[in-house]
């Protein structure tokens, strides 16, 4: 049984699942291949996904979606909310002249089943699930028979409320009453890392209390309503705002932590899904909380994993199985569209040569194999550089169009991670923080001493692992700077022509694509 699953909302994606093999065939995200960030499914994504099938699939699966706003009117499939009765639609659809099984379940369920299917725990082992994103802030339990039990809604719209604070303080927010920008959550996370929660005053605490009122809808979070606040347009680089951001972040996490401590008492593993699962500070605090036997966050924890989740929900319905064999490199394959590259020296890829160039200070685009799932560059669509100097960090931030002190993530040989960071074991998806313990790693050490480290093994990504080994042989350190290879505001680059154009416009020194090393 082959399942073709579509997530029609923002962070749109199409996934293919082989139910017989319980394997993920592919997951194509609409923003990849240099399309706009958070894009819905487009014709290119649909056509590329369909090419995987030599005949029509057996099951069409559709993730539910709704309009934004207070009412969340169903716009697609089973809609947005619900895990119980009425949260799935089962039937038949005629598709290109063939009658197929049709399955749709809610967006809420898509998050739950994506995290469950991709987690390392055996089917039948009970798990807790936290779904926190723009609209949902809920805990669940999945029992041994795959039943979902809703344990409680902790907060409405946690993602929207978190992002709004950045817009409130930003004088450049485009419209006083404009929609929240999806990039603001990450920017607020970075600002909060530079704040001091102990210096927050009464005015800040009053604002936090107002924003976190559980009955407040994001549609009523209008910037002009807070004109009297001292934090209105205060500036996102001010220390007072950073302190507020730190306290605000702590208040949101503490609300969920307190609920979990009181109600999730069985010690089951915790699965985290939803856009808030990209908040590395919160993920690290869940990991360190001691409330759960283990914590798992999939790399596509945001809506980019919803097509996978609905495919798994359909597989569960038709087969009773809800686990997947998957790889994080199941996205689009790189396309060599044979563009004309002027003033470029081309040689066959030699990892020792690339490692030497990195050690000499070159900044190199790296496009190998298939795109990663989710928004983090995990070694197949990356920009790489040596990790030793502040100048490397500043240069990377300039070419990415980011603030000069924005954090640059490190990628590290897993066997060496405890040599350089306060971490042991795997951290393959760049979703948690650790402290940097190696003073030589200046380019990847954030102002608060932390880093969002990714670990690599031979089995996980042989090419990047071997490059790190070569770099270690030359420099003595198996760590590199790793940031995403993309035009500003777009998903990962996936064509030679785009790669060449980006390298020229951004000022890269060289690029690796396929089996070739291009020096510019």
Protein backbone atom coordinates (compact mmCIF):
# COMPACT_ATOMS: atom_id res chain seq x y z
CA UNK A 1 0.00 0.00 0.00
CA UNK A 2 1.44 3.36 -1.11
CA UNK A 3 0.16 6.54 0.54
CA UNK A 4 0.37 9.99 -1.06
CA UNK A 5 -0.12 12.68 1.58
CA UNK A 6 -0.46 16.45 1.24
CA UNK A 7 -0.21 19.23 3.83
CA UNK A 8 -2.00 22.17 2.15
CA UNK A 9 -1.17 24.93 4.65
CA UNK A 10 1.94 27.03 5.21
CA UNK A 11 5.16 25.01 5.45
CA UNK A 12 3.41 22.91 2.81
CA UNK A 13 4.74 19.46 2.03
CA UNK A 14 3.96 16.23 0.21
CA UNK A 15 5.02 12.86 1.62
CA UNK A 16 5.05 9.36 0.23
CA UNK A 17 4.85 6.35 2.56
CA UNK A 18 5.15 2.65 1.76
CA UNK A 19 2.81 1.12 4.34
CA UNK A 20 3.91 -2.45 3.63
CA UNK A 21 7.54 -1.61 4.40
CA UNK A 22 6.59 1.03 7.01
CA UNK A 23 9.02 3.39 5.34
CA UNK A 24 9.10 7.04 4.34
CA UNK A 25 9.71 7.21 0.60
CA UNK A 26 10.12 10.99 0.46
CA UNK A 27 8.95 14.25 1.99
CA UNK A 28 9.11 17.24 -0.32
CA UNK A 29 8.68 20.65 1.28
CA UNK A 30 7.32 23.48 -0.82
CA UNK A 31 9.86 26.07 0.36
CA UNK A 32 12.83 23.98 -0.74
CA UNK A 33 14.46 24.63 -4.13
CA UNK A 34 14.59 28.36 -3.34
CA UNK A 35 10.82 28.91 -3.05
CA UNK A 36 9.63 31.43 -0.41
CA UNK A 37 9.90 30.35 3.22
CA UNK A 38 6.76 28.78 4.69
CA UNK A 39 5.20 28.41 1.23
CA UNK A 40 2.10 26.25 0.63
CA UNK A 41 2.34 23.35 -1.82
CA UNK A 42 3.10 24.57 -5.35
CA UNK A 43 2.88 22.83 -8.77
CA UNK A 44 6.63 22.07 -8.83
CA UNK A 45 6.43 20.23 -5.52
CA UNK A 46 3.36 18.32 -6.65
CA UNK A 47 4.90 17.24 -9.96
CA UNK A 48 8.25 16.25 -8.40
CA UNK A 49 6.48 14.21 -5.72
CA UNK A 50 4.27 12.46 -8.29
CA UNK A 51 7.36 11.33 -10.22
CA UNK A 52 8.10 8.87 -7.42
CA UNK A 53 5.08 6.76 -8.40
CA UNK A 54 5.01 4.60 -11.54
CA UNK A 55 1.27 4.21 -10.98
CA UNK A 56 -1.37 5.94 -8.89
CA UNK A 57 -1.01 5.50 -5.11
CA UNK A 58 -3.44 3.34 -3.14
CA UNK A 59 -4.38 6.03 -0.62
CA UNK A 60 -4.79 9.79 -0.90
CA UNK A 61 -4.25 11.45 2.47
CA UNK A 62 -4.97 15.10 3.22
CA UNK A 63 -3.93 16.99 6.33
CA UNK A 64 -6.77 19.10 7.68
CA UNK A 65 -6.47 22.88 7.59
CA UNK A 66 -8.58 25.91 8.42
CA UNK A 67 -8.78 29.63 7.99
CA UNK A 68 -6.91 31.81 10.43
CA UNK A 69 -8.91 33.83 12.88
CA UNK A 70 -11.05 33.22 15.91
CA UNK A 71 -13.42 30.75 14.25
CA UNK A 72 -10.86 28.57 12.40
CA UNK A 73 -13.41 27.62 9.74
CA UNK A 74 -12.52 24.33 8.06
CA UNK A 75 -10.95 24.98 4.69
CA UNK A 76 -9.44 21.59 3.87
CA UNK A 77 -10.16 18.00 4.82
CA UNK A 78 -10.93 17.27 8.47
CA UNK A 79 -10.01 20.79 9.63
CA UNK A 80 -7.56 21.99 12.26
CA UNK A 81 -8.65 20.84 15.73
CA UNK A 82 -9.61 17.57 17.35
CA UNK A 83 -8.30 14.11 18.19
CA UNK A 84 -11.50 12.24 19.05
CA UNK A 85 -14.74 11.50 17.28
CA UNK A 86 -15.12 13.52 14.09
CA UNK A 87 -11.40 14.22 13.71
CA UNK A 88 -10.95 11.96 10.67
CA UNK A 89 -12.70 11.42 7.34
CA UNK A 90 -12.55 8.06 5.56
CA UNK A 91 -14.00 7.38 2.12
CA UNK A 92 -13.28 6.97 -1.58
CA UNK A 93 -12.12 9.50 -4.17
CA UNK A 94 -11.92 9.26 -7.92
CA UNK A 95 -8.46 10.41 -8.91
CA UNK A 96 -7.44 10.50 -12.60
CA UNK A 97 -10.10 7.92 -13.35
CA UNK A 98 -9.15 5.50 -10.58
CA UNK A 99 -11.04 5.05 -7.32
CA UNK A 100 -8.67 5.39 -4.38
CA UNK A 101 -9.05 5.16 -0.63
CA UNK A 102 -9.22 8.63 0.88
CA UNK A 103 -8.19 9.61 4.38
CA UNK A 104 -8.08 12.98 6.10
CA UNK A 105 -7.48 13.85 9.72
CA UNK A 106 -6.99 17.09 11.59
CA UNK A 107 -3.90 19.22 11.63
CA UNK A 108 -3.71 18.54 15.36
CA UNK A 109 -3.45 14.80 14.72
CA UNK A 110 -0.79 15.30 12.04
CA UNK A 111 1.60 16.72 14.63
CA UNK A 112 0.95 13.87 17.06
CA UNK A 113 1.47 11.04 14.57
CA UNK A 114 4.51 12.57 12.90
CA UNK A 115 6.31 12.75 16.24
CA UNK A 116 5.16 9.26 17.23
CA UNK A 117 6.10 7.59 13.92
CA UNK A 118 9.55 9.17 13.75
CA UNK A 119 10.47 8.61 17.41
CA UNK A 120 12.89 5.79 18.31
CA UNK A 121 10.45 4.10 20.70
CA UNK A 122 8.75 0.82 19.81
CA UNK A 123 5.08 0.76 18.87
CA UNK A 124 3.11 -0.12 21.96
CA UNK A 125 5.33 1.85 24.34
CA UNK A 126 3.13 4.58 25.83
CA UNK A 127 4.31 8.13 25.19
CA UNK A 128 3.37 11.65 26.14
CA UNK A 129 3.08 14.20 23.33
CA UNK A 130 3.35 17.97 23.56
CA UNK A 131 1.99 19.90 20.58
CA UNK A 132 2.78 23.58 20.88
CA UNK A 133 2.59 25.88 17.90
CA UNK A 134 0.74 28.96 16.66
CA UNK A 135 -2.69 27.80 17.81
CA UNK A 136 -2.21 24.64 19.90
CA UNK A 137 -0.65 24.29 23.34
CA UNK A 138 -1.73 20.81 24.46
CA UNK A 139 -0.51 17.59 26.08
CA UNK A 140 -1.62 14.09 25.09
CA UNK A 141 -0.92 10.48 25.94
CA UNK A 142 -0.71 7.70 23.34
CA UNK A 143 -1.39 4.34 24.98
CA UNK A 144 -0.19 0.87 23.99
CA UNK A 145 -3.22 0.40 21.70
CA UNK A 146 -2.51 3.67 19.80
CA UNK A 147 -5.38 5.57 21.40
CA UNK A 148 -4.87 9.31 21.85
CA UNK A 149 -5.91 10.75 25.23
CA UNK A 150 -6.10 14.53 25.47
CA UNK A 151 -4.58 15.52 28.81
CA UNK A 152 -5.30 19.22 28.64
CA UNK A 153 -4.88 22.52 26.83
CA UNK A 154 -2.27 24.47 28.75
CA UNK A 155 -2.30 27.65 26.70
CA UNK A 156 -4.04 28.90 23.59
CA UNK A 157 -1.84 30.21 20.78
CA UNK A 158 1.55 29.94 22.50
CA UNK A 159 3.50 30.39 19.26
CA UNK A 160 1.56 33.47 18.26
CA UNK A 161 1.91 34.98 21.72
CA UNK A 162 5.63 34.31 21.78
CA UNK A 163 6.23 35.90 18.36
CA UNK A 164 4.10 38.95 19.11
CA UNK A 165 6.52 40.31 21.70
CA UNK A 166 9.22 40.79 19.06
CA UNK A 167 6.79 42.66 16.78
CA UNK A 168 5.73 44.85 19.68
CA UNK A 169 9.30 45.99 20.35
CA UNK A 170 10.42 46.28 16.72
CA UNK A 171 10.08 49.79 15.24
CA UNK A 172 10.47 48.21 11.78
CA UNK A 173 7.46 45.94 12.16
CA UNK A 174 5.84 46.64 8.77
CA UNK A 175 2.28 47.36 9.91
CA UNK A 176 1.00 48.34 13.32
CA UNK A 177 -1.88 45.91 12.87
CA UNK A 178 -0.07 43.48 10.58
CA UNK A 179 0.08 39.71 10.82
CA UNK A 180 2.81 38.20 12.95
CA UNK A 181 5.96 37.46 10.94
CA UNK A 182 6.96 33.81 11.05
CA UNK A 183 10.63 34.77 11.44
CA UNK A 184 9.98 36.67 14.69
CA UNK A 185 9.89 33.56 16.88
CA UNK A 186 13.50 32.69 16.07
CA UNK A 187 14.61 36.28 16.55
CA UNK A 188 12.92 36.45 19.95
CA UNK A 189 14.58 33.17 20.93
CA UNK A 190 17.98 34.70 20.11
CA UNK A 191 17.16 37.90 22.02
CA UNK A 192 16.02 35.97 25.09
CA UNK A 193 19.38 34.20 25.27
CA UNK A 194 20.98 37.58 25.95
CA UNK A 195 18.58 38.64 28.70
CA UNK A 196 18.67 38.49 32.48
CA UNK A 197 15.43 37.31 34.08
CA UNK A 198 16.34 38.74 37.48
CA UNK A 199 16.31 42.34 36.28
CA UNK A 200 12.72 42.38 35.01
CA UNK A 201 10.63 45.21 36.51
CA UNK A 202 6.92 45.53 37.36
CA UNK A 203 6.04 47.05 33.95
CA UNK A 204 7.56 44.07 32.19
CA UNK A 205 5.78 41.62 34.46
CA UNK A 206 2.44 43.36 33.83
CA UNK A 207 2.95 43.07 30.07
CA UNK A 208 3.82 39.37 30.37
CA UNK A 209 0.70 38.72 32.40
CA UNK A 210 -1.44 40.53 29.85
CA UNK A 211 0.03 38.68 26.87
CA UNK A 212 -0.27 35.27 28.49
CA UNK A 213 -3.92 35.70 29.47
CA UNK A 214 -5.35 32.34 28.47
CA UNK A 215 -8.50 33.79 26.95
CA UNK A 216 -6.64 36.15 24.65
CA UNK A 217 -6.80 35.28 20.96
CA UNK A 218 -3.89 36.11 18.63
CA UNK A 219 -6.39 38.05 16.52
CA UNK A 220 -6.69 40.49 19.40
CA UNK A 221 -2.92 40.88 19.77
CA UNK A 222 -2.84 44.15 17.87
CA UNK A 223 0.33 46.19 18.26
CA UNK A 224 -1.47 49.54 18.47
CA UNK A 225 -3.38 48.31 21.52
CA UNK A 226 -0.08 48.43 23.42
CA UNK A 227 1.00 51.96 22.49
CA UNK A 228 1.04 52.95 26.16
CA UNK A 229 3.50 50.19 27.01
CA UNK A 230 7.10 51.32 27.56
CA UNK A 231 8.12 48.37 25.39
CA UNK A 232 6.23 49.62 22.32
CA UNK A 233 8.94 50.13 19.66
CA UNK A 234 11.61 50.04 22.36
CA UNK A 235 14.05 48.42 19.95
CA UNK A 236 14.92 44.74 19.72
CA UNK A 237 18.59 45.35 20.48
CA UNK A 238 18.06 47.09 23.82
CA UNK A 239 19.01 45.27 26.99
CA UNK A 240 15.67 46.05 28.61
CA UNK A 241 13.89 44.26 25.78
CA UNK A 242 16.29 41.31 25.98
CA UNK A 243 15.60 40.98 29.70
CA UNK A 244 11.87 41.07 28.99
CA UNK A 245 12.28 38.43 26.26
CA UNK A 246 14.17 36.15 28.64
CA UNK A 247 11.51 36.48 31.34
CA UNK A 248 8.70 36.03 28.81
CA UNK A 249 10.30 32.87 27.44
CA UNK A 250 10.75 31.53 30.96
CA UNK A 251 7.11 32.32 31.83
CA UNK A 252 5.75 30.41 28.82
CA UNK A 253 7.94 27.40 29.48
CA UNK A 254 7.14 27.40 33.20
CA UNK A 255 3.40 27.36 32.47
CA UNK A 256 3.80 24.16 30.46
CA UNK A 257 6.37 22.66 32.83
CA UNK A 258 4.13 23.18 35.84
CA UNK A 259 1.24 21.46 34.08
CA UNK A 260 3.48 18.55 33.06
CA UNK A 261 4.89 18.16 36.56
CA UNK A 262 1.40 18.00 38.04
CA UNK A 263 -0.28 15.83 35.40
CA UNK A 264 2.31 13.81 33.45
CA UNK A 265 3.56 11.64 36.28
CA UNK A 266 4.12 8.22 34.68
CA UNK A 267 7.63 8.92 33.38
CA UNK A 268 6.80 8.05 29.76
CA UNK A 269 8.99 9.49 26.98
CA UNK A 270 7.95 12.93 25.78
CA UNK A 271 7.48 13.64 22.08
CA UNK A 272 7.49 17.31 21.05
CA UNK A 273 5.86 18.65 17.89
CA UNK A 274 4.76 22.01 16.54
CA UNK A 275 6.71 25.14 15.65
CA UNK A 276 7.66 25.80 19.29
CA UNK A 277 9.67 22.58 19.01
CA UNK A 278 12.25 24.65 17.13
CA UNK A 279 12.98 26.60 20.33
CA UNK A 280 16.28 25.08 21.43
CA UNK A 281 16.17 26.64 24.90
CA UNK A 282 12.81 25.05 25.68
CA UNK A 283 13.89 21.71 24.19
CA UNK A 284 16.99 21.67 26.37
CA UNK A 285 14.93 22.47 29.46
CA UNK A 286 12.56 19.58 28.69
CA UNK A 287 15.57 17.33 28.24
CA UNK A 288 16.99 18.41 31.60
CA UNK A 289 13.67 18.49 33.48
CA UNK A 290 13.87 14.91 34.79
CA UNK A 291 10.13 14.45 34.22
CA UNK A 292 10.47 11.98 31.35
CA UNK A 293 12.46 8.87 30.55
CA UNK A 294 13.53 10.44 27.27
CA UNK A 295 12.65 13.36 25.01
CA UNK A 296 12.38 13.25 21.20
CA UNK A 297 11.85 16.11 18.75
CA UNK A 298 11.67 15.29 15.02
CA UNK A 299 13.68 17.49 12.64
CA UNK A 300 10.43 18.50 10.87
CA UNK A 301 8.66 19.36 14.13
CA UNK A 302 6.94 22.37 12.55
CA UNK A 303 4.19 22.07 9.91
CA UNK A 304 6.69 20.71 7.38
CA UNK A 305 6.13 17.33 9.07
CA UNK A 306 2.34 17.40 8.80
CA UNK A 307 2.15 15.47 5.52
CA UNK A 308 4.21 12.71 7.14
CA UNK A 309 1.93 12.73 10.18
CA UNK A 310 -1.26 12.40 8.15
CA UNK A 311 0.30 9.63 6.02
CA UNK A 312 1.10 7.76 9.23
CA UNK A 313 -2.40 8.36 10.56
CA UNK A 314 -3.77 6.83 7.34
CA UNK A 315 -1.36 3.89 7.67
CA UNK A 316 -2.51 3.39 11.26
CA UNK A 317 -6.14 3.40 10.13
CA UNK A 318 -5.67 0.90 7.30
CA UNK A 319 -2.93 -1.37 8.73
CA UNK A 320 -2.74 -0.81 12.49
CA UNK A 321 0.92 0.21 12.23
CA UNK A 322 2.22 3.68 13.10
CA UNK A 323 6.02 3.54 12.95
CA UNK A 324 8.29 4.59 10.08
CA UNK A 325 11.74 3.73 8.88
CA UNK A 326 13.04 7.13 7.79
CA UNK A 327 16.08 9.29 7.14
CA UNK A 328 16.39 13.03 7.66
CA UNK A 329 17.72 13.27 4.08
CA UNK A 330 14.43 12.35 2.39
CA UNK A 331 13.85 15.68 0.65
CA UNK A 332 14.38 16.77 -2.93
CA UNK A 333 17.47 15.48 -4.73
CA UNK A 334 19.97 18.05 -6.04
CA UNK A 335 19.41 19.10 -9.66
CA UNK A 336 22.44 19.79 -11.83
CA UNK A 337 20.88 22.01 -14.48
CA UNK A 338 24.20 22.52 -16.28
CA UNK A 339 24.43 26.28 -15.99
CA UNK A 340 27.24 28.33 -17.51
CA UNK A 341 29.73 29.18 -14.75
CA UNK A 342 32.24 31.88 -15.65
CA UNK A 343 35.62 32.34 -13.95
CA UNK A 344 35.27 29.12 -11.96
CA UNK A 345 37.95 26.49 -11.44
CA UNK A 346 36.45 22.99 -11.31
CA UNK A 347 38.09 19.89 -9.89
CA UNK A 348 36.91 16.47 -8.81
CA UNK A 349 35.79 16.48 -5.20
CA UNK A 350 38.62 15.70 -2.81
CA UNK A 351 37.68 16.03 0.86
CA UNK A 352 41.24 16.72 1.97
CA UNK A 353 41.40 19.63 -0.49
CA UNK A 354 38.06 21.02 0.81
CA UNK A 355 39.20 20.63 4.42
CA UNK A 356 42.44 22.47 3.64
CA UNK A 357 40.51 25.31 1.99
CA UNK A 358 38.27 25.60 5.05
CA UNK A 359 41.29 25.65 7.35
CA UNK A 360 42.76 28.45 5.24
CA UNK A 361 39.65 30.55 5.92
CA UNK A 362 37.49 29.88 2.87
CA UNK A 363 33.70 29.90 3.20
CA UNK A 364 32.21 27.07 1.15
CA UNK A 365 28.70 26.19 0.00
CA UNK A 366 28.01 22.48 0.37
CA UNK A 367 25.23 20.77 -1.62
CA UNK A 368 25.37 16.98 -1.42
CA UNK A 369 22.58 14.41 -1.90
CA UNK A 370 18.97 15.09 -0.91
CA UNK A 371 17.59 18.04 1.05
CA UNK A 372 17.08 17.69 4.78
CA UNK A 373 13.63 17.42 6.32
CA UNK A 374 12.63 20.52 8.27
CA UNK A 375 14.18 23.99 8.39
CA UNK A 376 17.63 23.16 9.84
CA UNK A 377 20.64 22.72 7.55
CA UNK A 378 21.97 19.34 8.64
CA UNK A 379 24.90 18.86 6.30
CA UNK A 380 23.42 18.47 2.82
CA UNK A 381 22.47 22.13 2.14
CA UNK A 382 25.00 24.00 4.25
CA UNK A 383 27.49 26.82 4.24
CA UNK A 384 30.65 25.65 6.01
CA UNK A 385 33.55 27.55 7.54
CA UNK A 386 36.28 27.10 10.13
CA UNK A 387 34.99 27.69 13.69
CA UNK A 388 37.93 29.48 15.27
CA UNK A 389 37.52 33.24 14.80
CA UNK A 390 34.99 35.98 15.45
CA UNK A 391 35.77 37.17 11.92
CA UNK A 392 34.34 33.91 10.52
CA UNK A 393 31.10 34.45 12.45
CA UNK A 394 30.85 38.07 11.31
CA UNK A 395 31.48 37.16 7.69
CA UNK A 396 28.87 34.41 7.72
CA UNK A 397 26.32 36.77 9.24
CA UNK A 398 27.08 39.45 6.63
CA UNK A 399 26.59 37.09 3.72
CA UNK A 400 23.39 35.75 5.33
CA UNK A 401 22.07 39.28 5.95
CA UNK A 402 21.74 38.71 9.70
CA UNK A 403 22.71 40.68 12.79
CA UNK A 404 26.47 40.71 13.33
CA UNK A 405 26.19 38.83 16.64
CA UNK A 406 23.65 36.23 15.48
CA UNK A 407 24.67 32.72 16.59
CA UNK A 408 26.30 30.38 14.08
CA UNK A 409 25.66 26.69 14.73
CA UNK A 410 28.48 24.14 14.91
CA UNK A 411 28.54 20.65 13.43
CA UNK A 412 30.77 18.21 15.31
CA UNK A 413 31.95 14.62 15.14
CA UNK A 414 29.69 12.81 17.59
CA UNK A 415 32.62 11.01 19.20
CA UNK A 416 34.26 14.38 19.96
CA UNK A 417 31.23 16.37 21.13
CA UNK A 418 32.01 16.16 24.85
CA UNK A 419 35.53 17.47 24.13
CA UNK A 420 34.14 20.78 22.90
CA UNK A 421 30.65 21.09 24.42
CA UNK A 422 28.79 20.31 27.63
CA UNK A 423 26.99 17.48 25.85
CA UNK A 424 27.44 13.75 25.43
CA UNK A 425 25.87 11.42 22.91
CA UNK A 426 23.89 12.31 19.80
CA UNK A 427 22.26 15.62 18.91
CA UNK A 428 21.64 14.99 15.20
CA UNK A 429 18.98 17.59 14.40
CA UNK A 430 20.37 20.83 15.86
CA UNK A 431 17.42 21.28 18.22
CA UNK A 432 19.05 21.71 21.64
CA UNK A 433 21.57 24.01 23.31
CA UNK A 434 24.79 23.11 25.07
CA UNK A 435 27.57 25.22 26.53
CA UNK A 436 30.81 25.61 24.58
CA UNK A 437 33.73 24.37 26.68
CA UNK A 438 36.46 24.81 24.05
CA UNK A 439 37.70 28.44 24.06
CA UNK A 440 39.06 28.03 20.53
CA UNK A 441 35.57 27.80 19.02
CA UNK A 442 34.96 31.55 18.92
CA UNK A 443 32.87 31.55 15.73
CA UNK A 444 30.21 29.19 17.13
CA UNK A 445 30.07 30.49 20.72
CA UNK A 446 27.03 32.69 21.27
CA UNK A 447 27.27 35.69 23.58
CA UNK A 448 25.81 33.64 26.44
CA UNK A 449 28.39 30.87 25.93
CA UNK A 450 25.98 28.43 24.27
CA UNK A 451 25.77 26.72 20.88
CA UNK A 452 23.13 24.82 18.96
CA UNK A 453 25.33 21.84 18.19
CA UNK A 454 24.68 19.14 15.60
CA UNK A 455 26.51 15.84 15.92
CA UNK A 456 27.45 13.64 12.95
CA UNK A 457 28.26 9.94 12.64
CA UNK A 458 29.46 7.91 9.67
CA UNK A 459 26.10 6.16 9.38
CA UNK A 460 24.15 9.41 9.53
CA UNK A 461 26.03 11.39 6.85
CA UNK A 462 29.19 9.77 5.51
CA UNK A 463 30.32 12.70 3.32
CA UNK A 464 30.09 15.33 6.05
CA UNK A 465 31.53 12.97 8.64
CA UNK A 466 34.55 12.25 6.44
CA UNK A 467 35.02 15.98 5.75
CA UNK A 468 35.05 16.63 9.51
CA UNK A 469 37.62 13.85 9.94
CA UNK A 470 39.83 15.44 7.28
CA UNK A 471 39.41 18.87 8.88
CA UNK A 472 40.34 17.40 12.25
CA UNK A 473 43.46 15.80 10.77
CA UNK A 474 44.58 19.23 9.52
CA UNK A 475 43.37 21.55 12.29
CA UNK A 476 43.15 19.23 15.29
CA UNK A 477 39.41 19.94 15.71
CA UNK A 478 36.47 18.01 14.24
CA UNK A 479 34.09 20.98 14.30
CA UNK A 480 32.88 23.35 11.55
CA UNK A 481 30.50 26.31 11.30
CA UNK A 482 27.28 25.13 9.66
CA UNK A 483 24.57 27.50 8.49
CA UNK A 484 21.87 27.08 5.87
CA UNK A 485 22.51 27.37 2.14
CA UNK A 486 19.67 29.56 0.96
CA UNK A 487 18.74 32.95 -0.43
CA UNK A 488 17.35 35.24 2.26
CA UNK A 489 13.67 34.46 2.81
CA UNK A 490 13.77 31.26 0.75
CA UNK A 491 14.22 27.54 1.34
CA UNK A 492 17.37 25.55 0.64
CA UNK A 493 19.11 25.92 -2.72
CA UNK A 494 18.67 22.85 -4.90
CA UNK A 495 19.96 23.71 -8.39
CA UNK A 496 23.45 24.33 -9.75
CA UNK A 497 22.29 27.58 -11.37
CA UNK A 498 20.88 28.91 -8.10
CA UNK A 499 23.98 27.77 -6.25
CA UNK A 500 26.26 29.62 -8.65
CA UNK A 501 24.12 32.78 -8.53
CA UNK A 502 24.03 32.69 -4.73
CA UNK A 503 27.78 32.06 -4.45
CA UNK A 504 28.49 35.10 -6.64
CA UNK A 505 25.97 37.41 -4.97
CA UNK A 506 26.75 36.39 -1.37
CA UNK A 507 30.52 36.17 -1.82
CA UNK A 508 31.26 32.51 -1.18
CA UNK A 509 34.82 31.41 -1.95
CA UNK A 510 33.87 28.00 -3.32
CA UNK A 511 31.03 25.51 -3.57
CA UNK A 512 30.76 21.73 -3.54
CA UNK A 513 27.97 20.18 -5.62
CA UNK A 514 27.72 16.49 -6.34
CA UNK A 515 31.23 15.21 -7.01
CA UNK A 516 32.75 18.56 -8.02
CA UNK A 517 34.61 21.30 -6.16
CA UNK A 518 34.17 24.77 -7.69
CA UNK A 519 36.55 27.57 -6.69
CA UNK A 520 35.19 31.02 -7.52
